[in-house]
């Protein structure tokens, strides 16, 4: 028994340390990715809310003031949403949108950003 430990003990210790370092490295990189992704999504959510507020103050407010009833038509609401989506995409940029889509594994980033704008309009929680 002692002969086996003396002969192979060093190799066993090296193998155990190697396996532990691989596991620890994967855990650390996974935690870094999760933190980065959470931060990116939080920044996107804040940007979506700011964009909705901006469109509300500039576009929607002017339309409402020009109406006797102070309400928007369905077409005007749709145009406001498209404006907010276009501004959000412009702020985030084409490259940023593509990176986000790749990281999230989303094929239709425009649809996902549209749902984000809708959620910001209702001021609910960001889409999953």
C-alpha atoms as a PDB file:
ATOM      1  CA  UNK A   1       0.000   0.000   0.000  1.00  0.00           C
ATOM      2  CA  UNK A   2       2.747   2.465   0.959  1.00  0.00           C
ATOM      3  CA  UNK A   3       4.613   1.542  -2.193  1.00  0.00           C
ATOM      4  CA  UNK A   4       1.591   2.549  -4.301  1.00  0.00           C
ATOM      5  CA  UNK A   5       1.293   5.869  -2.483  1.00  0.00           C
ATOM      6  CA  UNK A   6       4.993   6.536  -2.871  1.00  0.00           C
ATOM      7  CA  UNK A   7       4.924   5.528  -6.544  1.00  0.00           C
ATOM      8  CA  UNK A   8       1.696   7.218  -7.636  1.00  0.00           C
ATOM      9  CA  UNK A   9       0.924   9.712  -4.860  1.00  0.00           C
ATOM     10  CA  UNK A  10       2.532  12.645  -6.616  1.00  0.00           C
ATOM     11  CA  UNK A  11       0.632  11.952  -9.856  1.00  0.00           C
ATOM     12  CA  UNK A  12      -2.650  11.544  -7.931  1.00  0.00           C
ATOM     13  CA  UNK A  13      -2.184  14.856  -6.113  1.00  0.00           C
ATOM     14  CA  UNK A  14      -1.398  16.623  -9.398  1.00  0.00           C
ATOM     15  CA  UNK A  15      -4.499  15.081 -11.026  1.00  0.00           C
ATOM     16  CA  UNK A  16      -6.740  16.110  -8.114  1.00  0.00           C
ATOM     17  CA  UNK A  17      -5.387  19.666  -8.134  1.00  0.00           C
ATOM     18  CA  UNK A  18      -5.874  19.854 -11.923  1.00  0.00           C
ATOM     19  CA  UNK A  19      -9.500  18.708 -11.700  1.00  0.00           C
ATOM     20  CA  UNK A  20     -10.220  21.141  -8.859  1.00  0.00           C
ATOM     21  CA  UNK A  21      -8.658  24.029 -10.772  1.00  0.00           C
ATOM     22  CA  UNK A  22     -10.769  23.221 -13.856  1.00  0.00           C
ATOM     23  CA  UNK A  23     -13.951  23.125 -11.773  1.00  0.00           C
ATOM     24  CA  UNK A  24     -13.070  26.363  -9.995  1.00  0.00           C
ATOM     25  CA  UNK A  25     -12.196  28.103 -13.275  1.00  0.00           C
ATOM     26  CA  UNK A  26     -15.531  27.111 -14.835  1.00  0.00           C
ATOM     27  CA  UNK A  27     -17.383  28.349 -11.781  1.00  0.00           C
ATOM     28  CA  UNK A  28     -15.554  31.690 -11.759  1.00  0.00           C
ATOM     29  CA  UNK A  29     -16.031  32.270 -15.505  1.00  0.00           C
ATOM     30  CA  UNK A  30     -19.702  31.315 -15.197  1.00  0.00           C
ATOM     31  CA  UNK A  31     -20.163  33.789 -12.355  1.00  0.00           C
ATOM     32  CA  UNK A  32     -18.416  36.527 -14.344  1.00  0.00           C
ATOM     33  CA  UNK A  33     -20.654  35.910 -17.360  1.00  0.00           C
ATOM     34  CA  UNK A  34     -23.790  35.963 -15.208  1.00  0.00           C
ATOM     35  CA  UNK A  35     -22.763  39.249 -13.565  1.00  0.00           C
ATOM     36  CA  UNK A  36     -21.875  40.791 -16.925  1.00  0.00           C
ATOM     37  CA  UNK A  37     -25.148  39.652 -18.476  1.00  0.00           C
ATOM     38  CA  UNK A  38     -27.222  40.869 -15.532  1.00  0.00           C
ATOM     39  CA  UNK A  39     -25.497  44.262 -15.672  1.00  0.00           C
ATOM     40  CA  UNK A  40     -26.016  44.511 -19.437  1.00  0.00           C
ATOM     41  CA  UNK A  41     -29.715  43.672 -19.103  1.00  0.00           C
ATOM     42  CA  UNK A  42     -30.152  46.174 -16.273  1.00  0.00           C
ATOM     43  CA  UNK A  43     -28.514  48.887 -18.390  1.00  0.00           C
ATOM     44  CA  UNK A  44     -30.770  47.955 -21.312  1.00  0.00           C
ATOM     45  CA  UNK A  45     -33.861  48.140 -19.092  1.00  0.00           C
ATOM     46  CA  UNK A  46     -32.881  51.600 -17.820  1.00  0.00           C
ATOM     47  CA  UNK A  47     -32.210  52.713 -21.392  1.00  0.00           C
ATOM     48  CA  UNK A  48     -35.613  51.375 -22.520  1.00  0.00           C
ATOM     49  CA  UNK A  49     -37.381  53.283 -19.755  1.00  0.00           C
ATOM     50  CA  UNK A  50     -35.488  56.487 -20.611  1.00  0.00           C
ATOM     51  CA  UNK A  51     -36.368  56.041 -24.276  1.00  0.00           C
ATOM     52  CA  UNK A  52     -40.055  55.583 -23.506  1.00  0.00           C
ATOM     53  CA  UNK A  53     -40.021  58.701 -21.312  1.00  0.00           C
ATOM     54  CA  UNK A  54     -38.249  60.659 -24.059  1.00  0.00           C
ATOM     55  CA  UNK A  55     -40.786  59.641 -26.713  1.00  0.00           C
ATOM     56  CA  UNK A  56     -43.592  60.428 -24.267  1.00  0.00           C
ATOM     57  CA  UNK A  57     -42.246  63.915 -23.581  1.00  0.00           C
ATOM     58  CA  UNK A  58     -41.386  64.845 -27.165  1.00  0.00           C
ATOM     59  CA  UNK A  59     -43.819  63.003 -29.442  1.00  0.00           C
ATOM     60  CA  UNK A  60     -46.824  61.816 -27.460  1.00  0.00           C
ATOM     61  CA  UNK A  61     -47.230  64.973 -25.406  1.00  0.00           C
ATOM     62  CA  UNK A  62     -47.336  67.124 -28.561  1.00  0.00           C
ATOM     63  CA  UNK A  63     -49.961  64.864 -30.130  1.00  0.00           C
ATOM     64  CA  UNK A  64     -52.110  64.832 -26.997  1.00  0.00           C
ATOM     65  CA  UNK A  65     -51.981  68.605 -26.649  1.00  0.00           C
ATOM     66  CA  UNK A  66     -53.251  68.968 -30.224  1.00  0.00           C
ATOM     67  CA  UNK A  67     -56.363  66.921 -29.501  1.00  0.00           C
ATOM     68  CA  UNK A  68     -59.522  67.997 -27.764  1.00  0.00           C
ATOM     69  CA  UNK A  69     -59.901  64.665 -25.963  1.00  0.00           C
ATOM     70  CA  UNK A  70     -56.153  64.357 -25.275  1.00  0.00           C
ATOM     71  CA  UNK A  71     -56.022  60.739 -26.478  1.00  0.00           C
ATOM     72  CA  UNK A  72     -53.990  58.990 -29.140  1.00  0.00           C
ATOM     73  CA  UNK A  73     -55.384  56.827 -31.897  1.00  0.00           C
ATOM     74  CA  UNK A  74     -54.249  53.219 -32.188  1.00  0.00           C
ATOM     75  CA  UNK A  75     -52.085  54.170 -35.154  1.00  0.00           C
ATOM     76  CA  UNK A  76     -50.404  56.973 -33.210  1.00  0.00           C
ATOM     77  CA  UNK A  77     -49.724  54.637 -30.285  1.00  0.00           C
ATOM     78  CA  UNK A  78     -48.171  52.131 -32.686  1.00  0.00           C
ATOM     79  CA  UNK A  79     -46.038  54.884 -34.229  1.00  0.00           C
ATOM     80  CA  UNK A  80     -44.903  56.001 -30.771  1.00  0.00           C
ATOM     81  CA  UNK A  81     -43.899  52.440 -29.917  1.00  0.00           C
ATOM     82  CA  UNK A  82     -41.969  52.124 -33.187  1.00  0.00           C
ATOM     83  CA  UNK A  83     -40.269  55.442 -32.475  1.00  0.00           C
ATOM     84  CA  UNK A  84     -39.224  54.256 -29.029  1.00  0.00           C
ATOM     85  CA  UNK A  85     -37.948  50.977 -30.478  1.00  0.00           C
ATOM     86  CA  UNK A  86     -35.957  52.793 -33.176  1.00  0.00           C
ATOM     87  CA  UNK A  87     -34.448  55.148 -30.591  1.00  0.00           C
ATOM     88  CA  UNK A  88     -33.560  52.262 -28.277  1.00  0.00           C
ATOM     89  CA  UNK A  89     -31.886  50.360 -31.122  1.00  0.00           C
ATOM     90  CA  UNK A  90     -30.044  53.526 -32.128  1.00  0.00           C
ATOM     91  CA  UNK A  91     -28.832  54.096 -28.566  1.00  0.00           C
ATOM     92  CA  UNK A  92     -27.716  50.498 -28.120  1.00  0.00           C
ATOM     93  CA  UNK A  93     -26.254  50.350 -31.633  1.00  0.00           C
ATOM     94  CA  UNK A  94     -26.238  47.606 -34.230  1.00  0.00           C
ATOM     95  CA  UNK A  95     -23.102  46.006 -32.794  1.00  0.00           C
ATOM     96  CA  UNK A  96     -24.436  46.077 -29.226  1.00  0.00           C
ATOM     97  CA  UNK A  97     -27.742  44.571 -30.338  1.00  0.00           C
ATOM     98  CA  UNK A  98     -26.002  41.749 -32.179  1.00  0.00           C
ATOM     99  CA  UNK A  99     -23.761  41.006 -29.190  1.00  0.00           C
ATOM    100  CA  UNK A 100     -26.745  40.963 -26.852  1.00  0.00           C
ATOM    101  CA  UNK A 101     -28.645  38.634 -29.185  1.00  0.00           C
ATOM    102  CA  UNK A 102     -25.680  36.276 -29.378  1.00  0.00           C
ATOM    103  CA  UNK A 103     -25.167  36.205 -25.603  1.00  0.00           C
ATOM    104  CA  UNK A 104     -28.874  35.695 -24.888  1.00  0.00           C
ATOM    105  CA  UNK A 105     -29.283  33.163 -27.686  1.00  0.00           C
ATOM    106  CA  UNK A 106     -32.060  35.219 -29.293  1.00  0.00           C
ATOM    107  CA  UNK A 107     -32.702  35.018 -33.028  1.00  0.00           C
ATOM    108  CA  UNK A 108     -35.196  37.899 -33.184  1.00  0.00           C
ATOM    109  CA  UNK A 109     -33.535  40.711 -31.243  1.00  0.00           C
ATOM    110  CA  UNK A 110     -35.936  43.289 -32.732  1.00  0.00           C
ATOM    111  CA  UNK A 111     -38.930  41.396 -31.363  1.00  0.00           C
ATOM    112  CA  UNK A 112     -37.279  41.023 -27.970  1.00  0.00           C
ATOM    113  CA  UNK A 113     -36.400  44.718 -27.848  1.00  0.00           C
ATOM    114  CA  UNK A 114     -39.985  45.501 -28.883  1.00  0.00           C
ATOM    115  CA  UNK A 115     -41.266  43.485 -25.929  1.00  0.00           C
ATOM    116  CA  UNK A 116     -38.804  45.363 -23.721  1.00  0.00           C
ATOM    117  CA  UNK A 117     -40.234  48.669 -24.940  1.00  0.00           C
ATOM    118  CA  UNK A 118     -43.785  47.390 -24.319  1.00  0.00           C
ATOM    119  CA  UNK A 119     -42.818  46.362 -20.797  1.00  0.00           C
ATOM    120  CA  UNK A 120     -41.236  49.788 -20.221  1.00  0.00           C
ATOM    121  CA  UNK A 121     -44.445  51.424 -21.492  1.00  0.00           C
ATOM    122  CA  UNK A 122     -46.381  49.564 -18.822  1.00  0.00           C
ATOM    123  CA  UNK A 123     -43.438  49.949 -16.407  1.00  0.00           C
ATOM    124  CA  UNK A 124     -43.589  46.272 -15.580  1.00  0.00           C
ATOM    125  CA  UNK A 125     -40.621  43.993 -15.105  1.00  0.00           C
ATOM    126  CA  UNK A 126     -38.258  43.438 -18.057  1.00  0.00           C
ATOM    127  CA  UNK A 127     -38.969  40.493 -20.394  1.00  0.00           C
ATOM    128  CA  UNK A 128     -37.280  37.184 -19.738  1.00  0.00           C
END
